[in-house]
PDB file of all heavy atoms in Angstrom:
ATOM      1  N   VAL A   1      -5.379  21.944 -23.706  1.00  0.00           N
ATOM      2  CA  VAL A   1      -5.172  23.116 -22.845  1.00  0.00           C
ATOM      3  C   VAL A   1      -5.875  24.323 -23.454  1.00  0.00           C
ATOM      4  O   VAL A   1      -6.520  25.106 -22.750  1.00  0.00           O
ATOM      5  CB  VAL A   1      -3.669  23.398 -22.653  1.00  0.00           C
ATOM      6  CG1 VAL A   1      -3.457  24.665 -21.838  1.00  0.00           C
ATOM      7  CG2 VAL A   1      -2.983  22.220 -21.983  1.00  0.00           C
ATOM      8  N   HIS A   2      -5.778  24.476 -24.771  1.00  0.00           N
ATOM      9  CA  HIS A   2      -6.452  25.585 -25.448  1.00  0.00           C
ATOM     10  C   HIS A   2      -7.973  25.467 -25.310  1.00  0.00           C
ATOM     11  O   HIS A   2      -8.666  26.482 -25.125  1.00  0.00           O
ATOM     12  CB  HIS A   2      -6.054  25.614 -26.922  1.00  0.00           C
ATOM     13  CG  HIS A   2      -4.644  26.072 -27.142  1.00  0.00           C
ATOM     14  ND1 HIS A   2      -4.175  26.528 -28.357  1.00  0.00           N
ATOM     15  CD2 HIS A   2      -3.586  26.158 -26.299  1.00  0.00           C
ATOM     16  CE1 HIS A   2      -2.904  26.869 -28.242  1.00  0.00           C
ATOM     17  NE2 HIS A   2      -2.527  26.633 -27.004  1.00  0.00           N
ATOM     18  N   GLU A   3      -8.490  24.257 -25.404  1.00  0.00           N
ATOM     19  CA  GLU A   3      -9.932  24.058 -25.169  1.00  0.00           C
ATOM     20  C   GLU A   3     -10.298  24.476 -23.748  1.00  0.00           C
ATOM     21  O   GLU A   3     -11.325  25.113 -23.511  1.00  0.00           O
ATOM     22  CB  GLU A   3     -10.309  22.592 -25.392  1.00  0.00           C
ATOM     23  CG  GLU A   3     -10.423  22.171 -26.845  1.00  0.00           C
ATOM     24  CD  GLU A   3     -10.956  20.759 -26.973  1.00  0.00           C
ATOM     25  OE1 GLU A   3     -11.923  20.418 -26.250  1.00  0.00           O
ATOM     26  OE2 GLU A   3     -10.402  19.985 -27.786  1.00  0.00           O
ATOM     27  N   ASN A   4      -9.452  24.100 -22.801  1.00  0.00           N
ATOM     28  CA  ASN A   4      -9.705  24.456 -21.403  1.00  0.00           C
ATOM     29  C   ASN A   4      -9.721  25.971 -21.198  1.00  0.00           C
ATOM     30  O   ASN A   4     -10.510  26.489 -20.402  1.00  0.00           O
ATOM     31  CB  ASN A   4      -8.647  23.832 -20.497  1.00  0.00           C
ATOM     32  CG  ASN A   4      -8.829  22.336 -20.311  1.00  0.00           C
ATOM     33  OD1 ASN A   4      -9.866  21.779 -20.678  1.00  0.00           O
ATOM     34  ND2 ASN A   4      -7.840  21.683 -19.744  1.00  0.00           N
ATOM     35  N   ILE A   5      -8.848  26.686 -21.917  1.00  0.00           N
ATOM     36  CA  ILE A   5      -8.808  28.154 -21.815  1.00  0.00           C
ATOM     37  C   ILE A   5     -10.154  28.743 -22.222  1.00  0.00           C
ATOM     38  O   ILE A   5     -10.680  29.655 -21.568  1.00  0.00           O
ATOM     39  CB  ILE A   5      -7.685  28.737 -22.698  1.00  0.00           C
ATOM     40  CG1 ILE A   5      -6.303  28.406 -22.109  1.00  0.00           C
ATOM     41  CG2 ILE A   5      -7.857  30.236 -22.887  1.00  0.00           C
ATOM     42  CD1 ILE A   5      -5.885  29.275 -20.952  1.00  0.00           C
ATOM     43  N   GLN A   6     -10.728  28.234 -23.293  1.00  0.00           N
ATOM     44  CA  GLN A   6     -12.031  28.743 -23.745  1.00  0.00           C
ATOM     45  C   GLN A   6     -13.125  28.414 -22.737  1.00  0.00           C
ATOM     46  O   GLN A   6     -14.000  29.242 -22.456  1.00  0.00           O
ATOM     47  CB  GLN A   6     -12.366  28.160 -25.118  1.00  0.00           C
ATOM     48  CG  GLN A   6     -11.413  28.588 -26.230  1.00  0.00           C
ATOM     49  CD  GLN A   6     -11.283  30.098 -26.345  1.00  0.00           C
ATOM     50  OE1 GLN A   6     -12.279  30.823 -26.351  1.00  0.00           O
ATOM     51  NE2 GLN A   6     -10.047  30.586 -26.427  1.00  0.00           N
ATOM     52  N   ARG A   7     -13.092  27.245 -22.163  1.00  0.00           N
ATOM     53  CA  ARG A   7     -14.112  26.852 -21.194  1.00  0.00           C
ATOM     54  C   ARG A   7     -13.985  27.645 -19.894  1.00  0.00           C
ATOM     55  O   ARG A   7     -14.980  27.965 -19.253  1.00  0.00           O
ATOM     56  CB  ARG A   7     -14.001  25.348 -20.901  1.00  0.00           C
ATOM     57  CG  ARG A   7     -14.261  24.468 -22.118  1.00  0.00           C
ATOM     58  CD  ARG A   7     -14.103  23.000 -21.787  1.00  0.00           C
ATOM     59  NE  ARG A   7     -14.231  22.155 -22.978  1.00  0.00           N
ATOM     60  CZ  ARG A   7     -14.272  20.838 -22.965  1.00  0.00           C
ATOM     61  NH1 ARG A   7     -14.173  20.188 -21.798  1.00  0.00           N
ATOM     62  NH2 ARG A   7     -14.401  20.148 -24.078  1.00  0.00           N
ATOM     63  N   ALA A   8     -12.758  27.951 -19.511  1.00  0.00           N
ATOM     64  CA  ALA A   8     -12.522  28.628 -18.234  1.00  0.00           C
ATOM     65  C   ALA A   8     -13.146  30.011 -18.182  1.00  0.00           C
ATOM     66  O   ALA A   8     -13.474  30.513 -17.102  1.00  0.00           O
ATOM     67  CB  ALA A   8     -11.019  28.735 -17.976  1.00  0.00           C
ATOM     68  N   GLN A   9     -13.324  30.642 -19.332  1.00  0.00           N
ATOM     69  CA  GLN A   9     -13.838  32.010 -19.374  1.00  0.00           C
ATOM     70  C   GLN A   9     -15.360  32.080 -19.314  1.00  0.00           C
ATOM     71  O   GLN A   9     -15.925  33.151 -19.105  1.00  0.00           O
ATOM     72  CB  GLN A   9     -13.376  32.694 -20.661  1.00  0.00           C
ATOM     73  CG  GLN A   9     -11.870  32.741 -20.818  1.00  0.00           C
ATOM     74  CD  GLN A   9     -11.472  33.312 -22.148  1.00  0.00           C
ATOM     75  OE1 GLN A   9     -11.648  34.497 -22.418  1.00  0.00           O
ATOM     76  NE2 GLN A   9     -10.941  32.467 -23.018  1.00  0.00           N
ATOM     77  N   LYS A  10     -16.019  30.947 -19.495  1.00  0.00           N
ATOM     78  CA  LYS A  10     -17.478  30.958 -19.583  1.00  0.00           C
ATOM     79  C   LYS A  10     -18.106  31.283 -18.238  1.00  0.00           C
ATOM     80  O   LYS A  10     -17.514  31.100 -17.175  1.00  0.00           O
ATOM     81  CB  LYS A  10     -17.976  29.607 -20.096  1.00  0.00           C
ATOM     82  CG  LYS A  10     -17.580  29.334 -21.552  1.00  0.00           C
ATOM     83  CD  LYS A  10     -18.148  28.023 -22.036  1.00  0.00           C
ATOM     84  CE  LYS A  10     -17.775  27.775 -23.499  1.00  0.00           C
ATOM     85  NZ  LYS A  10     -18.313  26.488 -23.993  1.00  0.00           N
ATOM     86  N   ARG A  11     -19.318  31.763 -18.293  1.00  0.00           N
ATOM     87  CA  ARG A  11     -20.037  32.151 -17.075  1.00  0.00           C
ATOM     88  C   ARG A  11     -20.170  30.961 -16.134  1.00  0.00           C
ATOM     89  O   ARG A  11     -20.638  29.900 -16.506  1.00  0.00           O
ATOM     90  CB  ARG A  11     -21.417  32.700 -17.468  1.00  0.00           C
ATOM     91  CG  ARG A  11     -22.315  33.061 -16.321  1.00  0.00           C
ATOM     92  CD  ARG A  11     -23.449  33.968 -16.774  1.00  0.00           C
ATOM     93  NE  ARG A  11     -24.099  33.494 -17.983  1.00  0.00           N
ATOM     94  CZ  ARG A  11     -25.172  32.708 -18.008  1.00  0.00           C
ATOM     95  NH1 ARG A  11     -25.698  32.265 -16.869  1.00  0.00           N
ATOM     96  NH2 ARG A  11     -25.723  32.354 -19.151  1.00  0.00           N
ATOM     97  N   ASP A  12     -19.721  31.173 -14.892  1.00  0.00           N
ATOM     98  CA  ASP A  12     -19.782  30.163 -13.828  1.00  0.00           C
ATOM     99  C   ASP A  12     -19.141  28.844 -14.264  1.00  0.00           C
ATOM    100  O   ASP A  12     -19.686  27.759 -14.048  1.00  0.00           O
ATOM    101  CB  ASP A  12     -21.237  29.925 -13.400  1.00  0.00           C
ATOM    102  CG  ASP A  12     -21.330  29.315 -12.003  1.00  0.00           C
ATOM    103  OD1 ASP A  12     -20.353  29.428 -11.234  1.00  0.00           O
ATOM    104  OD2 ASP A  12     -22.373  28.721 -11.682  1.00  0.00           O
ATOM    105  N   ALA A  13     -17.965  28.960 -14.871  1.00  0.00           N
ATOM    106  CA  ALA A  13     -17.267  27.772 -15.377  1.00  0.00           C
ATOM    107  C   ALA A  13     -16.956  26.771 -14.271  1.00  0.00           C
ATOM    108  O   ALA A  13     -16.929  25.558 -14.511  1.00  0.00           O
ATOM    109  CB  ALA A  13     -15.984  28.188 -16.085  1.00  0.00           C
ATOM    110  N   VAL A  14     -16.732  27.260 -13.051  1.00  0.00           N
ATOM    111  CA  VAL A  14     -16.404  26.366 -11.935  1.00  0.00           C
ATOM    112  C   VAL A  14     -17.489  25.304 -11.763  1.00  0.00           C
ATOM    113  O   VAL A  14     -17.190  24.121 -11.540  1.00  0.00           O
ATOM    114  CB  VAL A  14     -16.237  27.168 -10.630  1.00  0.00           C
ATOM    115  CG1 VAL A  14     -16.179  26.232  -9.435  1.00  0.00           C
ATOM    116  CG2 VAL A  14     -14.972  28.012 -10.686  1.00  0.00           C
ATOM    117  N   ASN A  15     -18.740  25.708 -11.888  1.00  0.00           N
ATOM    118  CA  ASN A  15     -19.844  24.787 -11.642  1.00  0.00           C
ATOM    119  C   ASN A  15     -20.433  24.187 -12.914  1.00  0.00           C
ATOM    120  O   ASN A  15     -21.110  23.157 -12.841  1.00  0.00           O
ATOM    121  CB  ASN A  15     -20.961  25.513 -10.881  1.00  0.00           C
ATOM    122  CG  ASN A  15     -20.528  25.975  -9.505  1.00  0.00           C
ATOM    123  OD1 ASN A  15     -20.066  25.175  -8.699  1.00  0.00           O
ATOM    124  ND2 ASN A  15     -20.659  27.257  -9.231  1.00  0.00           N
ATOM    125  N   CYS A  16     -20.182  24.811 -14.056  1.00  0.00           N
ATOM    126  CA  CYS A  16     -20.888  24.407 -15.271  1.00  0.00           C
ATOM    127  C   CYS A  16     -20.021  23.738 -16.330  1.00  0.00           C
ATOM    128  O   CYS A  16     -20.559  23.188 -17.297  1.00  0.00           O
ATOM    129  CB  CYS A  16     -21.576  25.630 -15.895  1.00  0.00           C
ATOM    130  SG  CYS A  16     -22.780  26.433 -14.821  1.00  0.00           S
ATOM    131  N   GLU A  17     -18.707  23.791 -16.183  1.00  0.00           N
ATOM    132  CA  GLU A  17     -17.821  23.266 -17.222  1.00  0.00           C
ATOM    133  C   GLU A  17     -16.992  22.096 -16.717  1.00  0.00           C
ATOM    134  O   GLU A  17     -16.796  21.927 -15.513  1.00  0.00           O
ATOM    135  CB  GLU A  17     -16.882  24.371 -17.720  1.00  0.00           C
ATOM    136  CG  GLU A  17     -17.581  25.534 -18.399  1.00  0.00           C
ATOM    137  CD  GLU A  17     -18.274  25.139 -19.694  1.00  0.00           C
ATOM    138  OE1 GLU A  17     -17.716  24.304 -20.431  1.00  0.00           O
ATOM    139  OE2 GLU A  17     -19.370  25.671 -19.965  1.00  0.00           O
ATOM    140  N   LYS A  18     -16.514  21.312 -17.667  1.00  0.00           N
ATOM    141  CA  LYS A  18     -15.523  20.276 -17.388  1.00  0.00           C
ATOM    142  C   LYS A  18     -14.245  20.617 -18.145  1.00  0.00           C
ATOM    143  O   LYS A  18     -14.272  21.307 -19.166  1.00  0.00           O
ATOM    144  CB  LYS A  18     -16.029  18.894 -17.801  1.00  0.00           C
ATOM    145  CG  LYS A  18     -17.118  18.348 -16.885  1.00  0.00           C
ATOM    146  CD  LYS A  18     -17.428  16.890 -17.206  1.00  0.00           C
ATOM    147  CE  LYS A  18     -18.408  16.304 -16.198  1.00  0.00           C
ATOM    148  NZ  LYS A  18     -18.662  14.869 -16.447  1.00  0.00           N
ATOM    149  N   PHE A  19     -13.122  20.107 -17.631  1.00  0.00           N
ATOM    150  CA  PHE A  19     -11.820  20.449 -18.180  1.00  0.00           C
ATOM    151  C   PHE A  19     -11.013  19.180 -18.422  1.00  0.00           C
ATOM    152  O   PHE A  19     -11.070  18.228 -17.638  1.00  0.00           O
ATOM    153  CB  PHE A  19     -11.062  21.370 -17.213  1.00  0.00           C
ATOM    154  CG  PHE A  19     -11.745  22.680 -16.965  1.00  0.00           C
ATOM    155  CD1 PHE A  19     -12.736  22.785 -15.991  1.00  0.00           C
ATOM    156  CD2 PHE A  19     -11.416  23.795 -17.711  1.00  0.00           C
ATOM    157  CE1 PHE A  19     -13.375  23.995 -15.766  1.00  0.00           C
ATOM    158  CE2 PHE A  19     -12.048  25.002 -17.494  1.00  0.00           C
ATOM    159  CZ  PHE A  19     -13.027  25.113 -16.523  1.00  0.00           C
ATOM    160  N   TRP A  20     -10.248  19.193 -19.513  1.00  0.00           N
ATOM    161  CA  TRP A  20      -9.361  18.066 -19.794  1.00  0.00           C
ATOM    162  C   TRP A  20      -8.214  18.052 -18.787  1.00  0.00           C
ATOM    163  O   TRP A  20      -7.566  19.061 -18.565  1.00  0.00           O
ATOM    164  CB  TRP A  20      -8.796  18.174 -21.211  1.00  0.00           C
ATOM    165  CG  TRP A  20      -9.818  18.055 -22.293  1.00  0.00           C
ATOM    166  CD1 TRP A  20     -10.363  19.049 -23.043  1.00  0.00           C
ATOM    167  CD2 TRP A  20     -10.423  16.839 -22.749  1.00  0.00           C
ATOM    168  NE1 TRP A  20     -11.271  18.539 -23.928  1.00  0.00           N
ATOM    169  CE2 TRP A  20     -11.333  17.184 -23.778  1.00  0.00           C
ATOM    170  CE3 TRP A  20     -10.299  15.492 -22.391  1.00  0.00           C
ATOM    171  CZ2 TRP A  20     -12.093  16.239 -24.451  1.00  0.00           C
ATOM    172  CZ3 TRP A  20     -11.062  14.550 -23.064  1.00  0.00           C
ATOM    173  CH2 TRP A  20     -11.939  14.923 -24.073  1.00  0.00           C
ATOM    174  N   MET A  21      -7.994  16.898 -18.182  1.00  0.00           N
ATOM    175  CA  MET A  21      -6.923  16.766 -17.187  1.00  0.00           C
ATOM    176  C   MET A  21      -6.641  15.284 -16.991  1.00  0.00           C
ATOM    177  O   MET A  21      -7.505  14.441 -17.235  1.00  0.00           O
ATOM    178  CB  MET A  21      -7.329  17.413 -15.863  1.00  0.00           C
ATOM    179  CG  MET A  21      -6.252  17.422 -14.790  1.00  0.00           C
ATOM    180  SD  MET A  21      -4.787  18.377 -15.204  1.00  0.00           S
ATOM    181  CE  MET A  21      -5.438  20.055 -15.121  1.00  0.00           C
ATOM    182  N   LYS A  22      -5.421  14.972 -16.563  1.00  0.00           N
ATOM    183  CA  LYS A  22      -5.119  13.579 -16.233  1.00  0.00           C
ATOM    184  C   LYS A  22      -6.033  13.107 -15.112  1.00  0.00           C
ATOM    185  O   LYS A  22      -6.237  13.826 -14.124  1.00  0.00           O
ATOM    186  CB  LYS A  22      -3.657  13.438 -15.805  1.00  0.00           C
ATOM    187  CG  LYS A  22      -2.676  13.393 -16.968  1.00  0.00           C
ATOM    188  CD  LYS A  22      -1.292  13.025 -16.473  1.00  0.00           C
ATOM    189  CE  LYS A  22      -0.342  12.779 -17.643  1.00  0.00           C
ATOM    190  NZ  LYS A  22       0.999  12.372 -17.163  1.00  0.00           N
ATOM    191  N   SER A  23      -6.565  11.912 -15.246  1.00  0.00           N
ATOM    192  CA  SER A  23      -7.481  11.404 -14.225  1.00  0.00           C
ATOM    193  C   SER A  23      -6.746  11.065 -12.936  1.00  0.00           C
ATOM    194  O   SER A  23      -7.314  11.140 -11.849  1.00  0.00           O
ATOM    195  CB  SER A  23      -8.223  10.164 -14.746  1.00  0.00           C
ATOM    196  OG  SER A  23      -7.306   9.174 -15.163  1.00  0.00           O
ATOM    197  N   ASN A  24      -5.467  10.697 -13.042  1.00  0.00           N
ATOM    198  CA  ASN A  24      -4.647  10.422 -11.867  1.00  0.00           C
ATOM    199  C   ASN A  24      -3.425  11.335 -11.915  1.00  0.00           C
ATOM    200  O   ASN A  24      -2.514  11.128 -12.718  1.00  0.00           O
ATOM    201  CB  ASN A  24      -4.220   8.952 -11.828  1.00  0.00           C
ATOM    202  CG  ASN A  24      -3.586   8.566 -10.509  1.00  0.00           C
ATOM    203  OD1 ASN A  24      -2.910   9.378  -9.878  1.00  0.00           O
ATOM    204  ND2 ASN A  24      -3.795   7.338 -10.079  1.00  0.00           N
ATOM    205  N   LEU A  25      -3.393  12.334 -11.056  1.00  0.00           N
ATOM    206  CA  LEU A  25      -2.378  13.379 -11.133  1.00  0.00           C
ATOM    207  C   LEU A  25      -0.992  12.911 -10.718  1.00  0.00           C
ATOM    208  O   LEU A  25       0.007  13.565 -11.039  1.00  0.00           O
ATOM    209  CB  LEU A  25      -2.801  14.570 -10.264  1.00  0.00           C
ATOM    210  CG  LEU A  25      -4.098  15.258 -10.697  1.00  0.00           C
ATOM    211  CD1 LEU A  25      -4.511  16.291  -9.658  1.00  0.00           C
ATOM    212  CD2 LEU A  25      -3.944  15.914 -12.055  1.00  0.00           C
ATOM    213  N   ILE A  26      -0.907  11.813 -10.006  1.00  0.00           N
ATOM    214  CA  ILE A  26       0.409  11.354  -9.543  1.00  0.00           C
ATOM    215  C   ILE A  26       0.912  10.154 -10.343  1.00  0.00           C
ATOM    216  O   ILE A  26       1.933   9.567 -10.015  1.00  0.00           O
ATOM    217  CB  ILE A  26       0.368  11.005  -8.040  1.00  0.00           C
ATOM    218  CG1 ILE A  26      -0.680   9.931  -7.752  1.00  0.00           C
ATOM    219  CG2 ILE A  26       0.096  12.242  -7.214  1.00  0.00           C
ATOM    220  CD1 ILE A  26      -0.692   9.493  -6.295  1.00  0.00           C
ATOM    221  N   ASP A  27       0.212   9.807 -11.407  1.00  0.00           N
ATOM    222  CA  ASP A  27       0.607   8.695 -12.268  1.00  0.00           C
ATOM    223  C   ASP A  27       0.992   9.257 -13.633  1.00  0.00           C
ATOM    224  O   ASP A  27       0.146   9.779 -14.361  1.00  0.00           O
ATOM    225  CB  ASP A  27      -0.546   7.700 -12.404  1.00  0.00           C
ATOM    226  CG  ASP A  27      -0.169   6.496 -13.266  1.00  0.00           C
ATOM    227  OD1 ASP A  27       0.974   6.439 -13.750  1.00  0.00           O
ATOM    228  OD2 ASP A  27      -1.037   5.626 -13.470  1.00  0.00           O
ATOM    229  N   ASP A  28       2.277   9.171 -13.979  1.00  0.00           N
ATOM    230  CA  ASP A  28       2.751   9.722 -15.251  1.00  0.00           C
ATOM    231  C   ASP A  28       2.040   9.116 -16.453  1.00  0.00           C
ATOM    232  O   ASP A  28       1.894   9.760 -17.493  1.00  0.00           O
ATOM    233  CB  ASP A  28       4.260   9.494 -15.396  1.00  0.00           C
ATOM    234  CG  ASP A  28       5.055  10.446 -14.530  1.00  0.00           C
ATOM    235  OD1 ASP A  28       4.439  11.355 -13.933  1.00  0.00           O
ATOM    236  OD2 ASP A  28       6.285  10.283 -14.442  1.00  0.00           O
ATOM    237  N   ASP A  29       1.630   7.871 -16.342  1.00  0.00           N
ATOM    238  CA  ASP A  29       1.035   7.165 -17.472  1.00  0.00           C
ATOM    239  C   ASP A  29      -0.490   7.252 -17.503  1.00  0.00           C
ATOM    240  O   ASP A  29      -1.148   6.601 -18.317  1.00  0.00           O
ATOM    241  CB  ASP A  29       1.454   5.690 -17.451  1.00  0.00           C
ATOM    242  CG  ASP A  29       2.956   5.535 -17.572  1.00  0.00           C
ATOM    243  OD1 ASP A  29       3.571   6.304 -18.334  1.00  0.00           O
ATOM    244  OD2 ASP A  29       3.518   4.660 -16.899  1.00  0.00           O
ATOM    245  N   SER A  30      -1.051   8.047 -16.604  1.00  0.00           N
ATOM    246  CA  SER A  30      -2.502   8.154 -16.532  1.00  0.00           C
ATOM    247  C   SER A  30      -3.063   8.799 -17.798  1.00  0.00           C
ATOM    248  O   SER A  30      -2.469   9.714 -18.368  1.00  0.00           O
ATOM    249  CB  SER A  30      -2.912   8.978 -15.309  1.00  0.00           C
ATOM    250  OG  SER A  30      -4.301   9.221 -15.307  1.00  0.00           O
ATOM    251  N   ALA A  31      -4.220   8.315 -18.239  1.00  0.00           N
ATOM    252  CA  ALA A  31      -4.905   8.916 -19.374  1.00  0.00           C
ATOM    253  C   ALA A  31      -5.568  10.216 -18.925  1.00  0.00           C
ATOM    254  O   ALA A  31      -5.735  10.471 -17.735  1.00  0.00           O
ATOM    255  CB  ALA A  31      -5.954   7.950 -19.919  1.00  0.00           C
ATOM    256  N   TYR A  32      -5.917  11.046 -19.896  1.00  0.00           N
ATOM    257  CA  TYR A  32      -6.614  12.282 -19.560  1.00  0.00           C
ATOM    258  C   TYR A  32      -8.093  12.146 -19.917  1.00  0.00           C
ATOM    259  O   TYR A  32      -8.475  11.373 -20.797  1.00  0.00           O
ATOM    260  CB  TYR A  32      -5.987  13.488 -20.262  1.00  0.00           C
ATOM    261  CG  TYR A  32      -5.987  13.415 -21.775  1.00  0.00           C
ATOM    262  CD1 TYR A  32      -7.052  13.935 -22.518  1.00  0.00           C
ATOM    263  CD2 TYR A  32      -4.924  12.847 -22.477  1.00  0.00           C
ATOM    264  CE1 TYR A  32      -7.050  13.879 -23.898  1.00  0.00           C
ATOM    265  CE2 TYR A  32      -4.916  12.784 -23.859  1.00  0.00           C
ATOM    266  CZ  TYR A  32      -5.981  13.313 -24.563  1.00  0.00           C
ATOM    267  OH  TYR A  32      -5.984  13.247 -25.940  1.00  0.00           O
ATOM    268  N   GLU A  33      -8.908  12.889 -19.215  1.00  0.00           N
ATOM    269  CA  GLU A  33     -10.344  12.860 -19.441  1.00  0.00           C
ATOM    270  C   GLU A  33     -10.944  14.193 -19.018  1.00  0.00           C
ATOM    271  O   GLU A  33     -10.240  15.074 -18.514  1.00  0.00           O
ATOM    272  CB  GLU A  33     -10.987  11.720 -18.650  1.00  0.00           C
ATOM    273  CG  GLU A  33     -10.776  11.834 -17.136  1.00  0.00           C
ATOM    274  CD  GLU A  33     -11.462  10.718 -16.367  1.00  0.00           C
ATOM    275  OE1 GLU A  33     -12.642  10.458 -16.666  1.00  0.00           O
ATOM    276  OE2 GLU A  33     -10.821  10.138 -15.471  1.00  0.00           O
ATOM    277  N   GLU A  34     -12.229  14.359 -19.240  1.00  0.00           N
ATOM    278  CA  GLU A  34     -12.906  15.574 -18.825  1.00  0.00           C
ATOM    279  C   GLU A  34     -13.335  15.442 -17.367  1.00  0.00           C
ATOM    280  O   GLU A  34     -14.053  14.512 -17.004  1.00  0.00           O
ATOM    281  CB  GLU A  34     -14.118  15.843 -19.718  1.00  0.00           C
ATOM    282  CG  GLU A  34     -13.742  16.230 -21.137  1.00  0.00           C
ATOM    283  CD  GLU A  34     -14.958  16.468 -22.010  1.00  0.00           C
ATOM    284  OE1 GLU A  34     -15.679  15.484 -22.271  1.00  0.00           O
ATOM    285  OE2 GLU A  34     -15.204  17.615 -22.424  1.00  0.00           O
ATOM    286  N   LEU A  35     -12.884  16.388 -16.552  1.00  0.00           N
ATOM    287  CA  LEU A  35     -13.179  16.371 -15.127  1.00  0.00           C
ATOM    288  C   LEU A  35     -13.750  17.722 -14.705  1.00  0.00           C
ATOM    289  O   LEU A  35     -13.467  18.749 -15.317  1.00  0.00           O
ATOM    290  CB  LEU A  35     -11.906  16.110 -14.321  1.00  0.00           C
ATOM    291  CG  LEU A  35     -11.170  14.783 -14.583  1.00  0.00           C
ATOM    292  CD1 LEU A  35      -9.827  14.790 -13.862  1.00  0.00           C
ATOM    293  CD2 LEU A  35     -12.015  13.606 -14.131  1.00  0.00           C
ATOM    294  N   THR A  36     -14.531  17.713 -13.646  1.00  0.00           N
ATOM    295  CA  THR A  36     -14.983  18.973 -13.066  1.00  0.00           C
ATOM    296  C   THR A  36     -13.835  19.604 -12.297  1.00  0.00           C
ATOM    297  O   THR A  36     -12.858  18.926 -11.929  1.00  0.00           O
ATOM    298  CB  THR A  36     -16.171  18.749 -12.126  1.00  0.00           C
ATOM    299  OG1 THR A  36     -15.725  17.980 -10.992  1.00  0.00           O
ATOM    300  CG2 THR A  36     -17.308  18.016 -12.824  1.00  0.00           C
ATOM    301  N   LEU A  37     -13.952  20.895 -12.031  1.00  0.00           N
ATOM    302  CA  LEU A  37     -12.931  21.542 -11.218  1.00  0.00           C
ATOM    303  C   LEU A  37     -12.891  20.952  -9.817  1.00  0.00           C
ATOM    304  O   LEU A  37     -11.828  20.872  -9.197  1.00  0.00           O
ATOM    305  CB  LEU A  37     -13.200  23.044 -11.143  1.00  0.00           C
ATOM    306  CG  LEU A  37     -12.503  23.890 -12.215  1.00  0.00           C
ATOM    307  CD1 LEU A  37     -12.906  25.338 -12.105  1.00  0.00           C
ATOM    308  CD2 LEU A  37     -10.992  23.769 -12.082  1.00  0.00           C
TER     309      LEU A  37
END
């Protein structure tokens, strides 16, 4: 989450950055990975 905070502030982060997040948002056991917004 802290890594994501740093990435979120970068110029045009929506299009240029990836963020750590669960790959399947409705599965409690889902692994996390880097995803685009």
